[in-house]
Protein backbone atom coordinates (compact mmCIF):
# COMPACT_ATOMS: atom_id res chain seq x y z
CA MET A 1 0.00 0.00 0.00
CA THR A 2 1.42 3.37 -1.00
CA GLU A 3 1.99 6.19 1.44
CA GLU A 4 -0.76 8.25 -0.20
CA ARG A 5 -3.34 5.49 0.32
CA LEU A 6 -2.25 5.06 3.90
CA GLU A 7 -2.57 8.80 4.51
CA ILE A 8 -6.09 8.83 3.05
CA LEU A 9 -7.12 5.91 5.26
CA LYS A 10 -5.67 7.63 8.33
CA MET A 11 -7.62 10.78 7.49
CA LEU A 12 -10.78 8.69 7.14
CA GLU A 13 -10.12 6.94 10.45
CA SER A 14 -9.58 10.22 12.30
CA GLY A 15 -12.76 11.69 10.82
CA GLN A 16 -11.08 14.48 8.83
CA ILE A 17 -12.78 13.26 5.63
CA GLY A 18 -15.88 11.22 4.93
CA ALA A 19 -16.18 7.80 3.28
CA GLU A 20 -17.30 9.25 -0.07
CA GLU A 21 -14.42 11.71 -0.17
CA ALA A 22 -11.97 8.92 0.72
CA ALA A 23 -13.38 6.74 -2.07
CA THR A 24 -12.98 9.64 -4.52
CA LEU A 25 -9.38 10.24 -3.46
CA LEU A 26 -8.55 6.54 -3.70
CA ALA A 27 -10.11 6.36 -7.19
CA ALA A 28 -8.02 9.38 -8.23
CA LEU A 29 -4.90 7.62 -6.97
CA ASP A 30 -5.83 4.51 -8.99
CA GLU A 31 -6.26 6.61 -12.13
CA SER A 32 -2.90 8.32 -11.66
CA ALA A 33 -1.24 4.94 -11.05
CA ALA A 34 -2.82 3.58 -14.24
CA GLN A 35 -1.31 6.48 -16.18
CA ARG A 36 2.14 5.60 -14.78
CA PRO A 37 2.45 1.85 -15.51
CA GLU A 38 6.14 1.73 -14.60
CA GLU A 39 5.26 2.33 -10.95
CA ALA A 40 2.26 -0.02 -10.95
CA GLU A 41 4.27 -2.95 -12.33
CA ALA A 42 6.41 -3.55 -9.24
CA PRO A 43 4.41 -3.06 -6.05
CA ALA A 44 6.57 -2.82 -2.96
CA LEU A 45 6.10 -5.41 -0.27
CA ALA A 46 5.14 -4.27 3.18
CA PRO A 47 7.87 -4.72 5.82
CA GLU A 48 5.86 -7.50 7.48
CA GLU A 49 5.54 -9.38 4.16
CA ARG A 50 9.28 -9.06 3.50
CA GLN A 51 9.99 -10.38 7.01
CA MET A 52 7.57 -13.29 6.53
CA ASN A 53 9.17 -14.21 3.20
CA ARG A 54 12.61 -14.17 4.80
CA TRP A 55 11.51 -16.39 7.67
CA ALA A 56 9.78 -18.82 5.32
CA ARG A 57 13.20 -19.54 3.75
CA PHE A 58 14.95 -20.07 7.10
CA TRP A 59 15.56 -23.78 6.45
CA ILE A 60 18.27 -22.78 3.94
CA TYR A 61 20.68 -21.67 6.68
CA PRO A 62 20.97 -25.05 8.45
CA MET A 63 21.21 -26.73 5.06
CA MET A 64 24.12 -24.50 4.03
CA ALA A 65 25.88 -25.07 7.37
CA GLY A 66 25.42 -28.83 7.01
CA GLY A 67 26.75 -28.63 3.45
CA VAL A 68 29.89 -26.83 4.63
CA VAL A 69 30.50 -29.46 7.35
CA LEU A 70 29.85 -32.23 4.80
CA ILE A 71 32.37 -30.75 2.35
CA LEU A 72 35.01 -30.21 5.05
CA GLY A 73 34.64 -33.83 6.18
CA ALA A 74 34.97 -35.04 2.59
CA LEU A 75 38.10 -32.90 2.14
CA VAL A 76 39.69 -34.40 5.25
CA ILE A 77 38.94 -37.92 4.00
CA GLY A 78 40.32 -37.06 0.57
CA LEU A 79 43.51 -35.62 2.09
CA VAL A 80 44.02 -38.69 4.28
CA TYR A 81 43.71 -41.09 1.34
CA ALA A 82 45.69 -38.85 -1.05
CA SER A 83 48.61 -38.40 1.33
CA ASP A 84 48.85 -42.09 2.27
CA ALA A 85 48.48 -41.15 5.94
CA ALA A 86 47.40 -43.65 8.53
CA ARG A 87 43.87 -44.75 7.69
CA GLY A 88 42.79 -44.08 11.29
CA TRP A 89 42.84 -40.36 10.50
CA ALA A 90 39.97 -40.94 8.09
CA VAL A 91 37.70 -41.09 11.15
CA CYS A 92 38.40 -37.36 11.59
CA GLY A 93 36.75 -36.84 8.22
CA TRP A 94 33.98 -39.43 8.38
CA LEU A 95 32.43 -38.04 11.56
CA PRO A 96 31.97 -34.46 10.28
CA MET A 97 30.93 -35.76 6.87
CA LEU A 98 28.17 -37.92 8.37
CA LEU A 99 27.14 -35.11 10.72
CA GLY A 100 26.96 -32.67 7.79
CA PHE A 101 24.93 -35.16 5.75
CA GLY A 102 22.50 -35.58 8.65
CA ILE A 103 22.11 -31.81 9.03
CA VAL A 104 21.44 -31.40 5.28
CA VAL A 105 18.82 -34.16 5.31
CA LEU A 106 17.18 -32.69 8.43
CA ALA A 107 17.15 -29.19 6.90
CA ILE A 108 15.52 -30.45 3.72
CA TRP A 109 12.98 -32.36 5.82
CA THR A 110 12.17 -29.23 7.87
CA ARG A 111 11.62 -27.23 4.68
CA ARG A 112 7.94 -28.13 4.84
CA ALA A 113 7.76 -28.08 8.63
CA THR A 114 6.00 -25.34 10.56
CA TRP A 115 8.61 -23.02 12.10
CA MET A 116 8.35 -20.60 14.98
CA HIS A 117 10.55 -17.53 14.85
CA LEU A 118 10.75 -15.26 17.89
CA ARG A 119 12.48 -11.88 17.82
CA ILE A 120 12.61 -9.57 20.84
CA SER A 121 14.28 -6.19 20.48
CA GLU A 122 14.61 -3.14 22.68
CA GLU A 123 15.08 0.33 21.20
CA GLY A 124 16.17 -1.12 17.85
CA ARG A 125 18.74 -3.51 19.35
CA GLN A 126 17.96 -7.20 19.03
CA LYS A 127 18.00 -8.92 22.43
CA ILE A 128 16.67 -12.40 21.67
CA ALA A 129 16.29 -14.20 18.36
CA PHE A 130 15.69 -17.88 17.88
CA SER A 131 13.93 -20.16 15.45
CA PHE A 132 12.94 -23.81 15.61
CA PRO A 133 10.55 -26.19 13.87
CA LEU A 134 7.31 -26.84 15.72
CA PRO A 135 6.05 -30.43 15.76
CA LEU A 136 2.41 -29.30 15.84
CA THR A 137 0.92 -32.76 15.19
CA LEU A 138 2.97 -34.23 18.02
CA ALA A 139 1.98 -31.35 20.32
CA ALA A 140 -1.74 -31.86 19.58
CA TRP A 141 -1.35 -35.58 20.22
CA ALA A 142 0.37 -34.91 23.57
CA VAL A 143 -2.36 -32.46 24.63
CA ARG A 144 -5.06 -35.02 23.78
CA ILE A 145 -3.32 -37.65 25.89
CA ALA A 146 -2.87 -35.21 28.80
CA GLN A 147 -6.49 -33.95 28.76
CA PRO A 148 -7.97 -36.71 30.96
CA PHE A 149 -5.29 -36.11 33.59
CA VAL A 150 -5.22 -32.29 33.55
CA PRO A 151 -8.63 -30.80 34.36
CA GLN A 152 -7.71 -27.36 32.95
CA LEU A 153 -7.19 -28.85 29.47
CA GLN A 154 -10.41 -30.83 29.27
CA GLU A 155 -12.65 -28.17 27.77
CA THR A 156 -10.16 -25.70 26.31
CA GLY A 157 -9.91 -27.03 22.75
CA VAL A 158 -6.16 -26.39 22.68
CA ASP A 159 -5.59 -29.52 20.60
CA ASP A 160 -8.06 -28.30 17.96
CA LEU A 161 -6.36 -24.89 17.97
CA ILE A 162 -2.96 -26.50 17.38
CA ILE A 163 -4.31 -28.57 14.48
CA ALA A 164 -5.99 -25.49 12.97
CA LEU A 165 -2.70 -23.59 13.26
CA ARG A 166 -0.87 -26.45 11.51
CA ASP A 167 -3.45 -26.56 8.72
CA SER A 168 -3.42 -22.80 8.14
CA ALA A 169 0.39 -22.75 8.04
CA GLY A 170 0.32 -25.65 5.59
CA GLN A 171 -2.02 -23.69 3.29
CA GLY A 172 0.38 -20.74 3.14
CA GLU A 173 -1.44 -18.62 5.73
CA PRO A 174 1.14 -18.12 8.48
CA LEU A 175 0.48 -16.40 11.79
CA PHE A 176 2.44 -13.18 12.27
CA ILE A 177 2.24 -11.24 15.54
CA ASP A 178 4.08 -7.94 15.96
CA VAL A 179 3.68 -6.16 19.32
CA GLN A 180 5.41 -2.86 20.13
CA ASP A 181 5.54 -1.15 23.51
CA GLU A 182 5.97 2.55 22.86
CA GLU A 183 6.88 3.39 26.48
CA ASP A 184 9.73 0.90 26.90
CA GLY A 185 10.69 0.68 23.23
CA GLU A 186 10.35 -3.11 23.27
CA ARG A 187 9.17 -5.04 20.24
CA VAL A 188 8.17 -8.71 20.10
CA GLN A 189 7.70 -10.47 16.76
CA ILE A 190 6.37 -14.02 16.48
CA TYR A 191 6.06 -15.79 13.15
CA ILE A 192 4.55 -19.26 12.92
CA GLY A 193 4.39 -20.75 9.47
């Protein structure tokens, strides 16, 4: 959404202009955008959408790290065999190579997993940032098993909420929460998808 549209909507919200006048102004903006097709071709993404797109590709980072460990392990093995060193040193290459292969396979597997990303910052400085895959099906299963033993869970519907969250994330509709405290300057961002 362009700055002009946002300004018109803010004026409408504050009561400075009426709904008809806002509709007229928005239509005029659409006409001017149609006359300038070079600007209309590439709409800018909102900051939240850019952040969501970045977090949706988070699985790439563990895959790249695993690939680097895999390659380093393979290089060590290759150097051991090429230099006719004692074959026992090959273990120093096999362990990182297998670890790297496991990390790459796990990263590819988590590509379709639902991830939770939490970012907490204070006055523009990032204090806490972590990301991990959420096993939502396993969590719903655990809640259903615990419901008969925990009276507070019996009529909450938490398990249905977890399944609904998993289904919405699987359909490309992630949950994005962005809370800012103006007084303390703290900001909490949660992305599940």
